Amino acid sequence: MILKELFREQLETFTLTRHARLHDAAALMQREKIGSIVIVEDQKVIGIVTDRDIGLCLALGAATPDSLVGEVMSKSVETINESMNLLDVTMFFRTARVKRLPVVDDYDRLVGIISIDDVMALLSREMFDTCSALEPKIGHMI
């Protein structure tokens, strides 16, 4: 099954522009209980900022709460297409070595974000459903 069919209701994401202030990003993360915000321009991903990025920059004195998100965001952002299947998404997470990936459509417009935890939950649910479907047949094999 492809990603957009599996996660349509779970692809909600929060975005800001590169001109937002770090204190606005941190407030949004705290309010929504999220760990990252995708930075967009014309609906296209241009960066991502995480709670870790903000914390480190502030702690090291590399930024202030009034600094722009664009100054601290990660600009090299891996994205995945919503038409990818679950196996490809799992492999992509493995090679990208990240915890979250923005999801884009065929025009590179942001449609959501997915975490490795989302993938694990889906795989667990799929495994349970498969085992439940096989359960009556397992008794016949013994």
C-alpha atoms as a PDB file:
ATOM      1  CA  MET A   1       0.000   0.000   0.000  1.00  0.00           C
ATOM      2  CA  ILE A   2       1.245   3.494  -0.753  1.00  0.00           C
ATOM      3  CA  LEU A   3       1.968   6.137   1.849  1.00  0.00           C
ATOM      4  CA  LYS A   4      -0.837   8.550   1.038  1.00  0.00           C
ATOM      5  CA  GLU A   5      -3.419   5.789   1.490  1.00  0.00           C
ATOM      6  CA  LEU A   6      -1.913   4.603   4.765  1.00  0.00           C
ATOM      7  CA  PHE A   7      -1.304   7.901   6.484  1.00  0.00           C
ATOM      8  CA  ARG A   8      -3.707  10.445   5.020  1.00  0.00           C
ATOM      9  CA  GLU A   9      -5.217  11.272   8.411  1.00  0.00           C
ATOM     10  CA  GLN A  10      -1.830  11.288  10.168  1.00  0.00           C
ATOM     11  CA  LEU A  11       0.108  13.575   7.843  1.00  0.00           C
ATOM     12  CA  GLU A  12      -0.774  16.782   9.688  1.00  0.00           C
ATOM     13  CA  THR A  13       2.239  19.008   9.979  1.00  0.00           C
ATOM     14  CA  PHE A  14       3.037  22.464  11.204  1.00  0.00           C
ATOM     15  CA  THR A  15       4.932  24.935   9.106  1.00  0.00           C
ATOM     16  CA  LEU A  16       6.576  28.326   9.374  1.00  0.00           C
ATOM     17  CA  THR A  17       8.522  30.520   7.009  1.00  0.00           C
ATOM     18  CA  ARG A  18      12.225  31.233   7.317  1.00  0.00           C
ATOM     19  CA  HIS A  19      11.310  34.702   8.633  1.00  0.00           C
ATOM     20  CA  ALA A  20       9.637  33.410  11.806  1.00  0.00           C
ATOM     21  CA  ARG A  21      11.451  33.965  15.099  1.00  0.00           C
ATOM     22  CA  LEU A  22      12.871  31.107  17.157  1.00  0.00           C
ATOM     23  CA  HIS A  23      10.616  31.990  20.085  1.00  0.00           C
ATOM     24  CA  ASP A  24       7.584  31.580  17.778  1.00  0.00           C
ATOM     25  CA  ALA A  25       8.841  28.172  16.634  1.00  0.00           C
ATOM     26  CA  ALA A  26       9.485  27.062  20.220  1.00  0.00           C
ATOM     27  CA  ALA A  27       6.047  28.273  21.320  1.00  0.00           C
ATOM     28  CA  LEU A  28       4.387  26.364  18.464  1.00  0.00           C
ATOM     29  CA  MET A  29       6.309  23.202  19.361  1.00  0.00           C
ATOM     30  CA  GLN A  30       5.320  23.491  23.001  1.00  0.00           C
ATOM     31  CA  ARG A  31       1.662  24.243  22.249  1.00  0.00           C
ATOM     32  CA  GLU A  32       1.259  21.409  19.722  1.00  0.00           C
ATOM     33  CA  LYS A  33       3.581  18.957  21.517  1.00  0.00           C
ATOM     34  CA  ILE A  34       5.733  18.445  18.430  1.00  0.00           C
ATOM     35  CA  GLY A  35       9.483  18.168  17.945  1.00  0.00           C
ATOM     36  CA  SER A  36       9.928  19.699  14.520  1.00  0.00           C
ATOM     37  CA  ILE A  37       8.522  22.286  12.164  1.00  0.00           C
ATOM     38  CA  VAL A  38       8.867  22.177   8.415  1.00  0.00           C
ATOM     39  CA  ILE A  39       9.977  25.459   6.883  1.00  0.00           C
ATOM     40  CA  VAL A  40       8.223  26.182   3.612  1.00  0.00           C
ATOM     41  CA  GLU A  41       8.207  28.703   0.816  1.00  0.00           C
ATOM     42  CA  ASP A  42       5.423  28.518  -1.775  1.00  0.00           C
ATOM     43  CA  GLN A  43       4.331  25.182  -0.252  1.00  0.00           C
ATOM     44  CA  LYS A  44       7.775  23.686  -0.937  1.00  0.00           C
ATOM     45  CA  VAL A  45      10.116  22.381   1.750  1.00  0.00           C
ATOM     46  CA  ILE A  46      13.159  24.608   2.182  1.00  0.00           C
ATOM     47  CA  GLY A  47      14.196  23.469   5.649  1.00  0.00           C
ATOM     48  CA  ILE A  48      13.284  21.891   8.948  1.00  0.00           C
ATOM     49  CA  VAL A  49      13.911  23.047  12.491  1.00  0.00           C
ATOM     50  CA  THR A  50      13.782  20.747  15.501  1.00  0.00           C
ATOM     51  CA  ASP A  51      13.531  21.366  19.211  1.00  0.00           C
ATOM     52  CA  ARG A  52      17.101  20.091  19.404  1.00  0.00           C
ATOM     53  CA  ASP A  53      18.284  22.653  16.827  1.00  0.00           C
ATOM     54  CA  ILE A  54      16.736  25.456  18.841  1.00  0.00           C
ATOM     55  CA  GLY A  55      18.026  24.210  22.182  1.00  0.00           C
ATOM     56  CA  LEU A  56      21.589  23.774  20.964  1.00  0.00           C
ATOM     57  CA  CYS A  57      21.740  27.133  19.202  1.00  0.00           C
ATOM     58  CA  LEU A  58      20.408  28.948  22.251  1.00  0.00           C
ATOM     59  CA  ALA A  59      22.621  27.046  24.697  1.00  0.00           C
ATOM     60  CA  LEU A  60      25.755  27.654  22.638  1.00  0.00           C
ATOM     61  CA  GLY A  61      24.965  31.332  22.118  1.00  0.00           C
ATOM     62  CA  ALA A  62      24.730  30.893  18.347  1.00  0.00           C
ATOM     63  CA  ALA A  63      21.214  32.374  18.365  1.00  0.00           C
ATOM     64  CA  THR A  64      18.773  34.307  20.515  1.00  0.00           C
ATOM     65  CA  PRO A  65      15.023  33.844  20.867  1.00  0.00           C
ATOM     66  CA  ASP A  66      14.626  36.701  18.367  1.00  0.00           C
ATOM     67  CA  SER A  67      16.842  35.029  15.744  1.00  0.00           C
ATOM     68  CA  LEU A  68      15.179  33.967  12.524  1.00  0.00           C
ATOM     69  CA  VAL A  69      14.305  30.308  11.984  1.00  0.00           C
ATOM     70  CA  GLY A  70      16.090  30.529   8.644  1.00  0.00           C
ATOM     71  CA  GLU A  71      19.367  31.110  10.478  1.00  0.00           C
ATOM     72  CA  VAL A  72      19.250  27.804  12.368  1.00  0.00           C
ATOM     73  CA  MET A  73      17.120  25.472  10.249  1.00  0.00           C
ATOM     74  CA  SER A  74      18.592  22.479   8.502  1.00  0.00           C
ATOM     75  CA  LYS A  75      18.575  23.399   4.839  1.00  0.00           C
ATOM     76  CA  SER A  76      19.453  19.997   3.436  1.00  0.00           C
ATOM     77  CA  VAL A  77      16.179  18.180   4.026  1.00  0.00           C
ATOM     78  CA  GLU A  78      15.383  14.700   2.806  1.00  0.00           C
ATOM     79  CA  THR A  79      11.767  14.294   1.690  1.00  0.00           C
ATOM     80  CA  ILE A  80       9.704  11.321   0.604  1.00  0.00           C
ATOM     81  CA  ASN A  81       6.952  11.178  -1.963  1.00  0.00           C
ATOM     82  CA  GLU A  82       3.426  10.326  -0.877  1.00  0.00           C
ATOM     83  CA  SER A  83       3.276   7.634  -3.565  1.00  0.00           C
ATOM     84  CA  MET A  84       6.070   5.573  -1.970  1.00  0.00           C
ATOM     85  CA  ASN A  85       5.117   2.191  -0.565  1.00  0.00           C
ATOM     86  CA  LEU A  86       5.671   1.290   3.078  1.00  0.00           C
ATOM     87  CA  LEU A  87       8.691  -0.913   2.421  1.00  0.00           C
ATOM     88  CA  ASP A  88      10.428   1.890   0.497  1.00  0.00           C
ATOM     89  CA  VAL A  89       9.620   4.370   3.264  1.00  0.00           C
ATOM     90  CA  THR A  90      11.082   2.009   5.860  1.00  0.00           C
ATOM     91  CA  MET A  91      14.265   1.595   3.830  1.00  0.00           C
ATOM     92  CA  PHE A  92      14.470   5.353   3.275  1.00  0.00           C
ATOM     93  CA  PHE A  93      14.348   5.976   7.026  1.00  0.00           C
ATOM     94  CA  ARG A  94      17.120   3.457   7.470  1.00  0.00           C
ATOM     95  CA  THR A  95      19.435   5.120   4.961  1.00  0.00           C
ATOM     96  CA  ALA A  96      18.538   8.740   5.784  1.00  0.00           C
ATOM     97  CA  ARG A  97      19.149   8.173   9.512  1.00  0.00           C
ATOM     98  CA  VAL A  98      16.535  10.706  10.599  1.00  0.00           C
ATOM     99  CA  LYS A  99      13.495  10.498  12.860  1.00  0.00           C
ATOM    100  CA  ARG A 100      11.087  12.521  10.737  1.00  0.00           C
ATOM    101  CA  LEU A 101      10.606  13.024   7.019  1.00  0.00           C
ATOM    102  CA  PRO A 102       8.471  15.614   5.258  1.00  0.00           C
ATOM    103  CA  VAL A 103       6.108  14.050   2.735  1.00  0.00           C
ATOM    104  CA  VAL A 104       5.631  15.763  -0.624  1.00  0.00           C
ATOM    105  CA  ASP A 105       3.374  15.243  -3.620  1.00  0.00           C
ATOM    106  CA  ASP A 106       4.441  14.854  -7.235  1.00  0.00           C
ATOM    107  CA  TYR A 107       4.922  18.627  -7.489  1.00  0.00           C
ATOM    108  CA  ASP A 108       7.209  18.713  -4.403  1.00  0.00           C
ATOM    109  CA  ARG A 109       4.505  20.458  -2.363  1.00  0.00           C
ATOM    110  CA  LEU A 110       4.430  19.567   1.316  1.00  0.00           C
ATOM    111  CA  VAL A 111       1.506  17.331   2.253  1.00  0.00           C
ATOM    112  CA  GLY A 112       2.644  16.194   5.711  1.00  0.00           C
ATOM    113  CA  ILE A 113       5.354  14.724   7.841  1.00  0.00           C
ATOM    114  CA  ILE A 114       5.911  11.170   9.006  1.00  0.00           C
ATOM    115  CA  SER A 115       8.041   9.874  11.851  1.00  0.00           C
ATOM    116  CA  ILE A 116       9.761   6.559  12.323  1.00  0.00           C
ATOM    117  CA  ASP A 117       7.342   6.005  15.227  1.00  0.00           C
ATOM    118  CA  ASP A 118       4.416   6.371  12.788  1.00  0.00           C
ATOM    119  CA  VAL A 119       5.974   3.725  10.560  1.00  0.00           C
ATOM    120  CA  MET A 120       6.554   1.361  13.490  1.00  0.00           C
ATOM    121  CA  ALA A 121       2.955   1.762  14.663  1.00  0.00           C
ATOM    122  CA  LEU A 122       1.654   1.018  11.187  1.00  0.00           C
ATOM    123  CA  LEU A 123       3.891  -2.028  10.790  1.00  0.00           C
ATOM    124  CA  SER A 124       2.694  -3.317  14.170  1.00  0.00           C
ATOM    125  CA  ARG A 125      -0.938  -2.820  13.168  1.00  0.00           C
ATOM    126  CA  GLU A 126      -0.365  -4.542   9.815  1.00  0.00           C
ATOM    127  CA  MET A 127       1.348  -7.487  11.539  1.00  0.00           C
ATOM    128  CA  PHE A 128      -1.529  -7.815  14.011  1.00  0.00           C
ATOM    129  CA  ASP A 129      -4.094  -7.741  11.193  1.00  0.00           C
ATOM    130  CA  THR A 130      -2.130 -10.364   9.252  1.00  0.00           C
ATOM    131  CA  CYS A 131      -1.851 -12.640  12.285  1.00  0.00           C
ATOM    132  CA  SER A 132      -5.564 -12.229  13.022  1.00  0.00           C
ATOM    133  CA  ALA A 133      -6.426 -13.205   9.469  1.00  0.00           C
ATOM    134  CA  LEU A 134      -4.186 -16.274   9.653  1.00  0.00           C
ATOM    135  CA  GLU A 135      -5.254 -17.386  13.131  1.00  0.00           C
ATOM    136  CA  PRO A 136      -8.101 -19.700  12.035  1.00  0.00           C
ATOM    137  CA  LYS A 137      -5.798 -21.359   9.486  1.00  0.00           C
ATOM    138  CA  ILE A 138      -2.962 -21.910  11.954  1.00  0.00           C
ATOM    139  CA  GLY A 139      -5.072 -24.387  13.941  1.00  0.00           C
ATOM    140  CA  HIS A 140      -5.563 -26.487  10.813  1.00  0.00           C
ATOM    141  CA  MET A 141      -1.817 -26.751  10.257  1.00  0.00           C
ATOM    142  CA  ILE A 142      -1.082 -28.263  13.674  1.00  0.00           C
END
